[in-house]
C-alpha atoms as a PDB file:
ATOM      1  CA  MET A   1      69.282  40.726 123.952  1.00  0.00           C
ATOM      2  CA  SER A   2      70.632  44.020 124.951  1.00  0.00           C
ATOM      3  CA  SER A   3      71.953  47.298 123.691  1.00  0.00           C
ATOM      4  CA  THR A   4      74.783  47.165 126.229  1.00  0.00           C
ATOM      5  CA  ASN A   5      76.037  43.622 125.679  1.00  0.00           C
ATOM      6  CA  PRO A   6      79.637  43.474 126.976  1.00  0.00           C
ATOM      7  CA  SER A   7      80.718  41.287 124.050  1.00  0.00           C
ATOM      8  CA  SER A   8      80.628  44.373 121.831  1.00  0.00           C
ATOM      9  CA  SER A   9      83.572  45.751 123.808  1.00  0.00           C
ATOM     10  CA  GLN A  10      85.866  43.817 121.492  1.00  0.00           C
ATOM     11  CA  LEU A  11      84.723  46.162 118.714  1.00  0.00           C
ATOM     12  CA  THR A  12      85.491  49.861 118.608  1.00  0.00           C
ATOM     13  CA  GLN A  13      82.662  52.367 118.394  1.00  0.00           C
ATOM     14  CA  SER A  14      84.073  53.328 114.993  1.00  0.00           C
ATOM     15  CA  GLN A  15      83.835  49.739 113.744  1.00  0.00           C
ATOM     16  CA  ILE A  16      80.251  49.456 114.980  1.00  0.00           C
ATOM     17  CA  ALA A  17      79.298  52.775 113.361  1.00  0.00           C
ATOM     18  CA  THR A  18      80.954  51.789 110.077  1.00  0.00           C
ATOM     19  CA  LEU A  19      79.100  48.457 110.060  1.00  0.00           C
ATOM     20  CA  GLN A  20      75.782  50.194 110.735  1.00  0.00           C
ATOM     21  CA  GLN A  21      76.413  52.799 108.030  1.00  0.00           C
ATOM     22  CA  SER A  22      77.488  50.138 105.512  1.00  0.00           C
ATOM     23  CA  ALA A  23      74.347  48.096 106.187  1.00  0.00           C
ATOM     24  CA  THR A  24      72.114  51.146 105.763  1.00  0.00           C
ATOM     25  CA  GLU A  25      73.867  52.249 102.569  1.00  0.00           C
ATOM     26  CA  VAL A  26      73.595  48.850 100.893  1.00  0.00           C
ATOM     27  CA  ALA A  27      69.894  48.608 101.842  1.00  0.00           C
ATOM     28  CA  HIS A  28      69.327  51.338  99.245  1.00  0.00           C
ATOM     29  CA  HIS A  29      70.362  48.780  96.597  1.00  0.00           C
ATOM     30  CA  ALA A  30      67.782  46.203  97.694  1.00  0.00           C
ATOM     31  CA  TYR A  31      65.394  44.813  95.109  1.00  0.00           C
ATOM     32  CA  ALA A  32      62.087  44.765  96.986  1.00  0.00           C
ATOM     33  CA  PRO A  33      59.254  45.611  94.540  1.00  0.00           C
ATOM     34  CA  TYR A  34      56.761  43.356  96.355  1.00  0.00           C
ATOM     35  CA  SER A  35      57.244  43.954 100.068  1.00  0.00           C
ATOM     36  CA  HIS A  36      59.053  47.295  99.807  1.00  0.00           C
ATOM     37  CA  PHE A  37      61.047  46.060 102.823  1.00  0.00           C
ATOM     38  CA  ARG A  38      64.612  47.003 101.906  1.00  0.00           C
ATOM     39  CA  VAL A  39      67.280  45.372 104.052  1.00  0.00           C
ATOM     40  CA  GLY A  40      71.062  45.628 104.103  1.00  0.00           C
ATOM     41  CA  ALA A  41      73.665  43.609 105.964  1.00  0.00           C
ATOM     42  CA  ALA A  42      77.332  44.328 106.620  1.00  0.00           C
ATOM     43  CA  LEU A  43      79.741  41.647 107.829  1.00  0.00           C
ATOM     44  CA  LEU A  44      82.960  42.382 109.672  1.00  0.00           C
ATOM     45  CA  LEU A  45      85.212  39.458 108.890  1.00  0.00           C
ATOM     46  CA  ASP A  46      87.569  38.096 111.502  1.00  0.00           C
ATOM     47  CA  ASP A  47      90.716  38.748 109.472  1.00  0.00           C
ATOM     48  CA  GLU A  48      93.769  40.970 109.781  1.00  0.00           C
ATOM     49  CA  ALA A  49      92.361  43.520 107.331  1.00  0.00           C
ATOM     50  CA  HIS A  50      89.045  43.924 109.240  1.00  0.00           C
ATOM     51  CA  THR A  51      87.263  43.385 105.929  1.00  0.00           C
ATOM     52  CA  ILE A  52      83.658  44.533 105.581  1.00  0.00           C
ATOM     53  CA  VAL A  53      81.419  42.778 103.049  1.00  0.00           C
ATOM     54  CA  THR A  54      77.844  43.863 102.336  1.00  0.00           C
ATOM     55  CA  GLY A  55      74.690  42.433 100.812  1.00  0.00           C
ATOM     56  CA  CYS A  56      71.055  43.397 100.331  1.00  0.00           C
ATOM     57  CA  ASN A  57      67.820  41.507  99.936  1.00  0.00           C
ATOM     58  CA  VAL A  58      66.735  40.494  96.438  1.00  0.00           C
ATOM     59  CA  GLU A  59      63.058  39.590  96.190  1.00  0.00           C
ATOM     60  CA  ASN A  60      61.374  37.363  93.661  1.00  0.00           C
ATOM     61  CA  ALA A  61      57.737  37.123  92.560  1.00  0.00           C
ATOM     62  CA  SER A  62      57.873  33.626  94.050  1.00  0.00           C
ATOM     63  CA  TYR A  63      58.567  34.794  97.619  1.00  0.00           C
ATOM     64  CA  ARG A  64      60.311  31.515  98.537  1.00  0.00           C
ATOM     65  CA  LEU A  65      63.100  32.387  96.082  1.00  0.00           C
ATOM     66  CA  THR A  66      63.876  35.692  97.814  1.00  0.00           C
ATOM     67  CA  VAL A  67      67.451  36.101  99.047  1.00  0.00           C
ATOM     68  CA  CYS A  68      67.877  37.808 102.419  1.00  0.00           C
ATOM     69  CA  ALA A  69      70.503  40.517 102.904  1.00  0.00           C
ATOM     70  CA  GLU A  70      72.440  38.464 105.458  1.00  0.00           C
ATOM     71  CA  GLN A  71      72.681  35.489 103.111  1.00  0.00           C
ATOM     72  CA  ALA A  72      73.634  37.728 100.171  1.00  0.00           C
ATOM     73  CA  ALA A  73      76.478  39.254 102.212  1.00  0.00           C
ATOM     74  CA  ILE A  74      77.718  35.839 103.338  1.00  0.00           C
ATOM     75  CA  ALA A  75      77.610  34.457  99.784  1.00  0.00           C
ATOM     76  CA  THR A  76      79.592  37.482  98.592  1.00  0.00           C
ATOM     77  CA  ALA A  77      82.154  37.055 101.381  1.00  0.00           C
ATOM     78  CA  VAL A  78      82.625  33.366 100.527  1.00  0.00           C
ATOM     79  CA  SER A  79      82.893  34.212  96.814  1.00  0.00           C
ATOM     80  CA  LEU A  80      85.535  36.867  97.469  1.00  0.00           C
ATOM     81  CA  HIS A  81      87.488  35.342 100.364  1.00  0.00           C
ATOM     82  CA  GLY A  82      86.821  31.601 100.330  1.00  0.00           C
ATOM     83  CA  PRO A  83      84.927  29.109 102.460  1.00  0.00           C
ATOM     84  CA  THR A  84      87.031  29.582 105.588  1.00  0.00           C
ATOM     85  CA  ILE A  85      85.723  33.084 106.362  1.00  0.00           C
ATOM     86  CA  ARG A  86      84.667  33.799 109.915  1.00  0.00           C
ATOM     87  CA  ILE A  87      82.271  36.583 110.839  1.00  0.00           C
ATOM     88  CA  ARG A  88      83.326  38.710 113.793  1.00  0.00           C
ATOM     89  CA  ALA A  89      80.203  40.893 113.719  1.00  0.00           C
ATOM     90  CA  ILE A  90      77.244  41.626 111.479  1.00  0.00           C
ATOM     91  CA  ALA A  91      74.969  44.646 111.286  1.00  0.00           C
ATOM     92  CA  VAL A  92      71.507  44.483 109.768  1.00  0.00           C
ATOM     93  CA  ALA A  93      69.528  47.582 108.782  1.00  0.00           C
ATOM     94  CA  ASN A  94      66.274  48.294 107.002  1.00  0.00           C
ATOM     95  CA  LEU A  95      64.886  51.427 105.431  1.00  0.00           C
ATOM     96  CA  ASN A  96      61.426  50.902 106.913  1.00  0.00           C
ATOM     97  CA  ASP A  97      62.237  52.011 110.485  1.00  0.00           C
ATOM     98  CA  THR A  98      60.966  48.665 111.703  1.00  0.00           C
ATOM     99  CA  ALA A  99      62.340  46.371 114.370  1.00  0.00           C
ATOM    100  CA  SER A 100      63.678  43.272 112.669  1.00  0.00           C
ATOM    101  CA  GLN A 101      65.987  40.520 113.764  1.00  0.00           C
ATOM    102  CA  PRO A 102      67.532  38.112 111.250  1.00  0.00           C
ATOM    103  CA  CYS A 103      65.096  35.361 110.239  1.00  0.00           C
ATOM    104  CA  GLY A 104      65.683  31.763 111.291  1.00  0.00           C
ATOM    105  CA  ALA A 105      67.303  30.761 108.000  1.00  0.00           C
ATOM    106  CA  CYS A 106      69.692  33.711 108.216  1.00  0.00           C
ATOM    107  CA  ARG A 107      70.531  32.880 111.829  1.00  0.00           C
ATOM    108  CA  GLN A 108      71.499  29.371 110.757  1.00  0.00           C
ATOM    109  CA  THR A 109      73.598  30.707 107.857  1.00  0.00           C
ATOM    110  CA  ILE A 110      75.315  33.259 110.103  1.00  0.00           C
ATOM    111  CA  HIS A 111      76.008  30.477 112.607  1.00  0.00           C
ATOM    112  CA  GLU A 112      77.723  28.405 109.914  1.00  0.00           C
ATOM    113  CA  PHE A 113      80.419  31.074 109.484  1.00  0.00           C
ATOM    114  CA  SER A 114      80.648  32.356 113.062  1.00  0.00           C
ATOM    115  CA  THR A 115      81.801  31.616 116.560  1.00  0.00           C
ATOM    116  CA  PRO A 116      79.303  31.602 119.427  1.00  0.00           C
ATOM    117  CA  ASN A 117      80.523  35.129 120.284  1.00  0.00           C
ATOM    118  CA  THR A 118      79.842  36.661 116.872  1.00  0.00           C
ATOM    119  CA  ILE A 119      77.859  39.827 117.532  1.00  0.00           C
ATOM    120  CA  VAL A 120      74.695  40.608 115.580  1.00  0.00           C
ATOM    121  CA  PHE A 121      73.396  44.197 115.566  1.00  0.00           C
ATOM    122  CA  PHE A 122      69.812  44.671 114.382  1.00  0.00           C
ATOM    123  CA  PRO A 123      67.010  47.264 114.413  1.00  0.00           C
ATOM    124  CA  ALA A 124      64.913  47.244 117.583  1.00  0.00           C
ATOM    125  CA  GLU A 125      61.911  49.225 118.782  1.00  0.00           C
ATOM    126  CA  ALA A 126      61.784  53.027 118.564  1.00  0.00           C
ATOM    127  CA  GLY A 127      64.736  53.283 116.191  1.00  0.00           C
ATOM    128  CA  THR A 128      67.233  51.762 118.595  1.00  0.00           C
ATOM    129  CA  ILE A 129      69.840  49.143 117.737  1.00  0.00           C
ATOM    130  CA  ALA A 130      69.880  45.899 119.680  1.00  0.00           C
ATOM    131  CA  GLN A 131      72.639  43.350 119.772  1.00  0.00           C
ATOM    132  CA  ALA A 132      73.068  39.737 120.695  1.00  0.00           C
ATOM    133  CA  THR A 133      75.535  36.984 120.047  1.00  0.00           C
ATOM    134  CA  ILE A 134      74.614  34.418 117.442  1.00  0.00           C
ATOM    135  CA  ALA A 135      74.530  31.857 120.276  1.00  0.00           C
ATOM    136  CA  ASP A 136      71.830  33.968 121.979  1.00  0.00           C
ATOM    137  CA  LEU A 137      69.829  34.293 118.748  1.00  0.00           C
ATOM    138  CA  LEU A 138      70.129  30.625 117.814  1.00  0.00           C
ATOM    139  CA  PRO A 139      70.680  28.557 120.964  1.00  0.00           C
ATOM    140  CA  ALA A 140      69.653  25.298 119.259  1.00  0.00           C
ATOM    141  CA  ALA A 141      71.572  25.632 115.990  1.00  0.00           C
ATOM    142  CA  PHE A 142      71.579  22.690 113.639  1.00  0.00           C
ATOM    143  CA  LEU A 143      75.007  21.048 113.679  1.00  0.00           C
ATOM    144  CA  LEU A 144      76.533  18.151 111.768  1.00  0.00           C
END
C-alpha cells in the first residue's frame, strides 16, 4: 500500500480532494455514542456523471449491529442508483486522527461493487492518506 500508487493517476487531484473532503464532512454526521470513532466514506461511482455518494457509521448498543460508513455509503448508492453500480474509488476518513483501513466486512462489500482496480484511500500514520486497490486490500475475496 502506497501513497504514490500509479493507479490513482486515472483520477484527477480535484476528484481525490473532493472525495476526501466529502468523507470528512459526512463523518461529522456519524452516530458513535459508544466508541466516539466517527467515520465517513465517499464513493466515486464509475458513471458518466462522476457521482459521489456518502455514508457514515451508525453504532448500536449491540456492537454487532453497527453499520460501517463504507457499507452505509454503498447501501445508499444502491438505493439511489440501482444494483449495477460500480465504484471507481472510495475515500474513508475519521475524525479521530487515527490510521484506519476498511474492516474485512467492508472490504468484501466494496469488492462486490468494484473492479480489481478500484482505489481505496484511507487514513494512515501521522495524518497521511494511504491508498491501495481493493485487490491489494482483499487478495482472497469471497466469490460465488
